[in-house]
Amino acid sequence: MWWFWRRKKLEQTNIGNVLIQMGLITRDQLEAAVAIKQSGTTDFLGEILVSTGAVTRSQLERALFRQKKSRGVSVDFAKESQDNIRLLEVQTNDLAHPLKELRESVTEVFGKDSKNK
């Protein structure tokens, strides 16, 4: 019988339900994200919700913190901070690469024009 209560606790604290309890998403948004997840993507449900614009990264992080707290998982703030910094570095690099290419293209185009004047 203990497994029933454990399963119920896990269902109540899955990230979708936590986000709904926090008032950050609707049931329809959750169902749409679940449909994307079931289509075969390996992304986490929270990441799908971020990529669709249903929640922001900081909202997801707050919900994940609340989820861990509800499940009785101790949170290592130092490790969480390091993980967040690594994630920001990756995202910054992902955004910086296209911007660098754009800057090089603009410099190439306008650099040639300014030399001709």
N, C-alpha and C. Protein backbone atom coordinates (compact mmCIF):
# COMPACT_ATOMS: atom_id res chain seq x y z
N MET A 1 0.81 -1.19 0.00
CA MET A 1 0.00 0.00 0.00
C MET A 1 0.86 1.27 0.00
N TRP A 2 2.07 1.23 0.59
CA TRP A 2 2.95 2.39 0.63
C TRP A 2 3.30 2.86 -0.78
N TRP A 3 3.42 1.92 -1.74
CA TRP A 3 3.77 2.28 -3.11
C TRP A 3 2.69 3.15 -3.74
N PHE A 4 1.42 2.94 -3.35
CA PHE A 4 0.33 3.75 -3.88
C PHE A 4 0.52 5.21 -3.46
N TRP A 5 0.83 5.43 -2.18
CA TRP A 5 1.01 6.79 -1.68
C TRP A 5 2.25 7.44 -2.27
N ARG A 6 3.29 6.63 -2.45
CA ARG A 6 4.52 7.15 -3.07
C ARG A 6 4.24 7.59 -4.51
N ARG A 7 3.51 6.74 -5.24
CA ARG A 7 3.17 7.06 -6.63
C ARG A 7 2.30 8.31 -6.69
N LYS A 8 1.33 8.41 -5.80
CA LYS A 8 0.45 9.57 -5.74
C LYS A 8 1.25 10.85 -5.47
N LYS A 9 2.21 10.76 -4.55
CA LYS A 9 3.06 11.91 -4.22
C LYS A 9 3.88 12.33 -5.44
N LEU A 10 4.44 11.36 -6.17
CA LEU A 10 5.21 11.67 -7.36
C LEU A 10 4.35 12.31 -8.44
N GLU A 11 3.12 11.81 -8.61
CA GLU A 11 2.21 12.39 -9.60
C GLU A 11 1.86 13.83 -9.24
N GLN A 12 1.61 14.08 -7.96
CA GLN A 12 1.24 15.42 -7.52
C GLN A 12 2.40 16.40 -7.69
N THR A 13 3.61 15.89 -7.64
CA THR A 13 4.77 16.78 -7.72
C THR A 13 5.50 16.66 -9.06
N ASN A 14 4.85 16.10 -10.09
CA ASN A 14 5.53 16.13 -11.38
C ASN A 14 5.55 17.58 -11.85
N ILE A 15 6.48 17.91 -12.72
CA ILE A 15 6.73 19.32 -13.03
C ILE A 15 5.51 19.99 -13.64
N GLY A 16 4.74 19.27 -14.42
CA GLY A 16 3.54 19.86 -15.01
C GLY A 16 2.55 20.29 -13.94
N ASN A 17 2.30 19.41 -12.99
CA ASN A 17 1.37 19.75 -11.91
C ASN A 17 1.91 20.87 -11.02
N VAL A 18 3.20 20.88 -10.79
CA VAL A 18 3.79 21.96 -9.99
C VAL A 18 3.59 23.30 -10.69
N LEU A 19 3.83 23.33 -12.00
CA LEU A 19 3.65 24.58 -12.76
C LEU A 19 2.19 25.03 -12.77
N ILE A 20 1.27 24.08 -12.84
CA ILE A 20 -0.15 24.42 -12.78
C ILE A 20 -0.50 24.97 -11.39
N GLN A 21 0.00 24.31 -10.33
CA GLN A 21 -0.27 24.77 -8.97
C GLN A 21 0.28 26.18 -8.74
N MET A 22 1.39 26.49 -9.37
CA MET A 22 1.99 27.81 -9.24
C MET A 22 1.26 28.85 -10.10
N GLY A 23 0.34 28.40 -10.94
CA GLY A 23 -0.40 29.31 -11.80
C GLY A 23 0.38 29.79 -13.01
N LEU A 24 1.42 29.04 -13.38
CA LEU A 24 2.27 29.48 -14.48
C LEU A 24 1.84 28.93 -15.84
N ILE A 25 1.15 27.79 -15.84
CA ILE A 25 0.64 27.23 -17.10
C ILE A 25 -0.79 26.74 -16.89
N THR A 26 -1.45 26.50 -18.00
CA THR A 26 -2.80 25.95 -17.96
C THR A 26 -2.73 24.45 -18.26
N ARG A 27 -3.80 23.77 -17.99
CA ARG A 27 -3.89 22.34 -18.31
C ARG A 27 -3.71 22.13 -19.82
N ASP A 28 -4.27 23.04 -20.65
CA ASP A 28 -4.12 22.94 -22.10
C ASP A 28 -2.65 23.05 -22.53
N GLN A 29 -1.91 23.97 -21.92
CA GLN A 29 -0.49 24.11 -22.24
C GLN A 29 0.27 22.84 -21.86
N LEU A 30 -0.08 22.27 -20.71
CA LEU A 30 0.57 21.04 -20.27
C LEU A 30 0.27 19.90 -21.25
N GLU A 31 -0.99 19.78 -21.65
CA GLU A 31 -1.37 18.71 -22.58
C GLU A 31 -0.67 18.87 -23.93
N ALA A 32 -0.51 20.10 -24.39
CA ALA A 32 0.21 20.34 -25.65
C ALA A 32 1.67 19.92 -25.52
N ALA A 33 2.29 20.25 -24.39
CA ALA A 33 3.69 19.87 -24.17
C ALA A 33 3.83 18.35 -24.06
N VAL A 34 2.89 17.70 -23.40
CA VAL A 34 2.91 16.24 -23.28
C VAL A 34 2.78 15.61 -24.66
N ALA A 35 1.93 16.18 -25.52
CA ALA A 35 1.78 15.66 -26.88
C ALA A 35 3.09 15.76 -27.65
N ILE A 36 3.81 16.88 -27.48
CA ILE A 36 5.12 17.03 -28.12
C ILE A 36 6.08 15.98 -27.58
N LYS A 37 6.07 15.79 -26.27
CA LYS A 37 6.94 14.80 -25.62
C LYS A 37 6.66 13.40 -26.16
N GLN A 38 5.38 13.08 -26.32
CA GLN A 38 5.00 11.75 -26.78
C GLN A 38 5.28 11.54 -28.26
N SER A 39 5.54 12.62 -28.99
CA SER A 39 5.84 12.49 -30.41
C SER A 39 7.24 11.94 -30.65
N GLY A 40 8.00 11.77 -29.57
CA GLY A 40 9.30 11.13 -29.70
C GLY A 40 10.50 11.97 -29.33
N THR A 41 10.29 13.20 -28.90
CA THR A 41 11.42 14.02 -28.52
C THR A 41 12.03 13.51 -27.21
N THR A 42 13.32 13.73 -27.06
CA THR A 42 14.00 13.30 -25.82
C THR A 42 14.11 14.45 -24.83
N ASP A 43 13.58 15.62 -25.18
CA ASP A 43 13.62 16.78 -24.29
C ASP A 43 12.77 16.53 -23.05
N PHE A 44 13.19 17.12 -21.95
CA PHE A 44 12.40 17.08 -20.73
C PHE A 44 11.15 17.94 -20.93
N LEU A 45 10.10 17.60 -20.21
CA LEU A 45 8.84 18.33 -20.33
C LEU A 45 9.03 19.81 -20.03
N GLY A 46 9.80 20.12 -19.01
CA GLY A 46 10.06 21.52 -18.67
C GLY A 46 10.74 22.27 -19.79
N GLU A 47 11.69 21.61 -20.46
CA GLU A 47 12.40 22.23 -21.57
C GLU A 47 11.45 22.48 -22.75
N ILE A 48 10.52 21.57 -22.94
CA ILE A 48 9.52 21.77 -24.00
C ILE A 48 8.67 22.99 -23.68
N LEU A 49 8.27 23.12 -22.42
CA LEU A 49 7.46 24.27 -22.02
C LEU A 49 8.22 25.58 -22.18
N VAL A 50 9.53 25.56 -21.93
CA VAL A 50 10.34 26.76 -22.14
C VAL A 50 10.44 27.07 -23.63
N SER A 51 10.71 26.05 -24.44
CA SER A 51 10.89 26.27 -25.87
C SER A 51 9.61 26.73 -26.56
N THR A 52 8.45 26.35 -26.02
CA THR A 52 7.18 26.80 -26.61
C THR A 52 6.76 28.17 -26.07
N GLY A 53 7.49 28.68 -25.09
CA GLY A 53 7.17 29.98 -24.53
C GLY A 53 6.12 29.96 -23.44
N ALA A 54 5.73 28.77 -23.01
CA ALA A 54 4.72 28.67 -21.95
C ALA A 54 5.26 29.19 -20.62
N VAL A 55 6.55 28.96 -20.36
CA VAL A 55 7.19 29.46 -19.14
C VAL A 55 8.58 29.98 -19.50
N THR A 56 9.12 30.80 -18.62
CA THR A 56 10.50 31.25 -18.80
C THR A 56 11.44 30.27 -18.10
N ARG A 57 12.71 30.39 -18.38
CA ARG A 57 13.70 29.54 -17.74
C ARG A 57 13.68 29.74 -16.23
N SER A 58 13.58 30.98 -15.77
CA SER A 58 13.59 31.23 -14.32
C SER A 58 12.33 30.66 -13.66
N GLN A 59 11.18 30.72 -14.35
CA GLN A 59 9.97 30.13 -13.80
C GLN A 59 10.12 28.61 -13.67
N LEU A 60 10.71 28.00 -14.69
CA LEU A 60 10.95 26.56 -14.64
C LEU A 60 11.88 26.20 -13.49
N GLU A 61 12.93 26.98 -13.31
CA GLU A 61 13.88 26.70 -12.23
C GLU A 61 13.21 26.82 -10.86
N ARG A 62 12.35 27.82 -10.69
CA ARG A 62 11.62 27.94 -9.42
C ARG A 62 10.72 26.74 -9.19
N ALA A 63 10.06 26.29 -10.27
CA ALA A 63 9.17 25.13 -10.16
C ALA A 63 9.97 23.87 -9.84
N LEU A 64 11.13 23.72 -10.45
CA LEU A 64 11.97 22.55 -10.17
C LEU A 64 12.43 22.56 -8.72
N PHE A 65 12.76 23.75 -8.21
CA PHE A 65 13.15 23.86 -6.80
C PHE A 65 11.98 23.45 -5.91
N ARG A 66 10.80 23.95 -6.22
CA ARG A 66 9.61 23.61 -5.42
C ARG A 66 9.34 22.11 -5.51
N GLN A 67 9.53 21.52 -6.70
CA GLN A 67 9.33 20.08 -6.87
C GLN A 67 10.27 19.28 -5.97
N LYS A 68 11.54 19.66 -5.98
CA LYS A 68 12.52 18.95 -5.14
C LYS A 68 12.18 19.09 -3.67
N LYS A 69 11.81 20.29 -3.28
CA LYS A 69 11.46 20.55 -1.88
C LYS A 69 10.25 19.70 -1.47
N SER A 70 9.24 19.63 -2.35
CA SER A 70 8.02 18.84 -2.06
C SER A 70 8.33 17.35 -1.95
N ARG A 71 9.32 16.90 -2.69
CA ARG A 71 9.68 15.48 -2.67
C ARG A 71 10.67 15.15 -1.56
N GLY A 72 11.07 16.16 -0.81
CA GLY A 72 11.97 15.93 0.29
C GLY A 72 13.42 15.76 -0.14
N VAL A 73 13.73 16.20 -1.33
CA VAL A 73 15.10 16.10 -1.83
C VAL A 73 15.88 17.31 -1.34
N SER A 74 17.04 17.06 -0.75
CA SER A 74 17.85 18.18 -0.30
C SER A 74 18.46 18.86 -1.52
N VAL A 75 18.54 20.16 -1.46
CA VAL A 75 19.04 20.94 -2.60
C VAL A 75 20.43 21.45 -2.25
N ASP A 76 21.38 21.10 -3.10
CA ASP A 76 22.75 21.58 -2.97
C ASP A 76 22.85 22.87 -3.78
N PHE A 77 22.76 24.01 -3.08
CA PHE A 77 22.73 25.29 -3.79
C PHE A 77 24.01 25.56 -4.57
N ALA A 78 25.15 25.12 -4.06
CA ALA A 78 26.40 25.33 -4.78
C ALA A 78 26.39 24.57 -6.09
N LYS A 79 25.96 23.31 -6.06
CA LYS A 79 25.90 22.52 -7.29
C LYS A 79 24.86 23.09 -8.24
N GLU A 80 23.71 23.48 -7.71
CA GLU A 80 22.65 24.08 -8.54
C GLU A 80 23.19 25.32 -9.24
N SER A 81 23.92 26.15 -8.51
CA SER A 81 24.46 27.38 -9.09
C SER A 81 25.47 27.07 -10.18
N GLN A 82 26.34 26.09 -9.94
CA GLN A 82 27.32 25.70 -10.96
C GLN A 82 26.63 25.17 -12.20
N ASP A 83 25.60 24.35 -12.02
CA ASP A 83 24.85 23.81 -13.16
C ASP A 83 24.18 24.94 -13.94
N ASN A 84 23.61 25.90 -13.23
CA ASN A 84 22.96 27.04 -13.89
C ASN A 84 23.96 27.89 -14.66
N ILE A 85 25.15 28.08 -14.09
CA ILE A 85 26.19 28.85 -14.77
C ILE A 85 26.62 28.13 -16.05
N ARG A 86 26.81 26.81 -15.98
CA ARG A 86 27.17 26.05 -17.18
C ARG A 86 26.08 26.15 -18.24
N LEU A 87 24.83 26.05 -17.83
CA LEU A 87 23.72 26.16 -18.76
C LEU A 87 23.70 27.54 -19.42
N LEU A 88 23.92 28.60 -18.64
CA LEU A 88 23.97 29.95 -19.20
C LEU A 88 25.13 30.11 -20.17
N GLU A 89 26.28 29.51 -19.86
CA GLU A 89 27.42 29.58 -20.76
C GLU A 89 27.10 28.93 -22.10
N VAL A 90 26.48 27.76 -22.05
CA VAL A 90 26.11 27.06 -23.29
C VAL A 90 25.12 27.90 -24.08
N GLN A 91 24.10 28.42 -23.41
CA GLN A 91 23.09 29.23 -24.10
C GLN A 91 23.71 30.49 -24.68
N THR A 92 24.62 31.12 -23.95
CA THR A 92 25.28 32.32 -24.44
C THR A 92 26.11 32.01 -25.66
N ASN A 93 26.85 30.91 -25.63
CA ASN A 93 27.64 30.52 -26.79
C ASN A 93 26.76 30.20 -27.99
N ASP A 94 25.62 29.53 -27.74
CA ASP A 94 24.69 29.21 -28.82
C ASP A 94 24.14 30.48 -29.46
N LEU A 95 23.88 31.51 -28.64
CA LEU A 95 23.38 32.77 -29.17
C LEU A 95 24.49 33.60 -29.80
N ALA A 96 25.68 33.51 -29.26
CA ALA A 96 26.79 34.35 -29.73
C ALA A 96 27.28 33.94 -31.11
N HIS A 97 27.24 32.66 -31.42
CA HIS A 97 27.77 32.20 -32.71
C HIS A 97 27.06 32.84 -33.90
N PRO A 98 25.72 32.80 -33.98
CA PRO A 98 25.06 33.46 -35.10
C PRO A 98 25.29 34.97 -35.13
N LEU A 99 25.38 35.60 -33.94
CA LEU A 99 25.64 37.03 -33.88
C LEU A 99 27.04 37.35 -34.41
N LYS A 100 27.99 36.49 -34.10
CA LYS A 100 29.35 36.69 -34.59
C LYS A 100 29.38 36.58 -36.11
N GLU A 101 28.67 35.59 -36.65
CA GLU A 101 28.60 35.43 -38.11
C GLU A 101 27.95 36.65 -38.75
N LEU A 102 26.88 37.15 -38.13
CA LEU A 102 26.20 38.34 -38.66
C LEU A 102 27.14 39.54 -38.64
N ARG A 103 27.85 39.74 -37.54
CA ARG A 103 28.79 40.86 -37.44
C ARG A 103 29.87 40.77 -38.50
N GLU A 104 30.39 39.56 -38.74
CA GLU A 104 31.42 39.38 -39.77
C GLU A 104 30.86 39.68 -41.15
N SER A 105 29.62 39.27 -41.41
CA SER A 105 28.99 39.55 -42.70
C SER A 105 28.78 41.04 -42.90
N VAL A 106 28.29 41.72 -41.85
CA VAL A 106 28.06 43.16 -41.94
C VAL A 106 29.39 43.89 -42.13
N THR A 107 30.40 43.48 -41.39
CA THR A 107 31.71 44.11 -41.50
C THR A 107 32.27 43.90 -42.90
N GLU A 108 32.08 42.71 -43.43
CA GLU A 108 32.57 42.41 -44.78
C GLU A 108 31.88 43.29 -45.81
N VAL A 109 30.57 43.42 -45.70
CA VAL A 109 29.80 44.21 -46.67
C VAL A 109 30.13 45.70 -46.54
N PHE A 110 30.03 46.23 -45.33
CA PHE A 110 30.25 47.66 -45.14
C PHE A 110 31.73 48.02 -45.15
N GLY A 111 32.56 47.07 -44.78
CA GLY A 111 34.00 47.31 -44.82
C GLY A 111 34.47 47.54 -46.24
N LYS A 112 33.95 46.76 -47.20
CA LYS A 112 34.30 46.91 -48.62
C LYS A 112 33.80 48.25 -49.14
N ASP A 113 32.55 48.63 -48.76
CA ASP A 113 31.99 49.89 -49.24
C ASP A 113 32.78 51.09 -48.73
N SER A 114 33.20 51.02 -47.46
CA SER A 114 33.92 52.18 -46.91
C SER A 114 35.31 52.30 -47.51
N LYS A 115 35.90 51.22 -47.96
CA LYS A 115 37.22 51.28 -48.59
C LYS A 115 37.13 51.92 -49.97
N ASN A 116 36.00 51.74 -50.64
CA ASN A 116 35.82 52.28 -51.99
C ASN A 116 35.56 53.77 -51.98
N LYS A 117 35.19 54.35 -50.84
CA LYS A 117 34.84 55.78 -50.79
C LYS A 117 36.05 56.63 -50.56
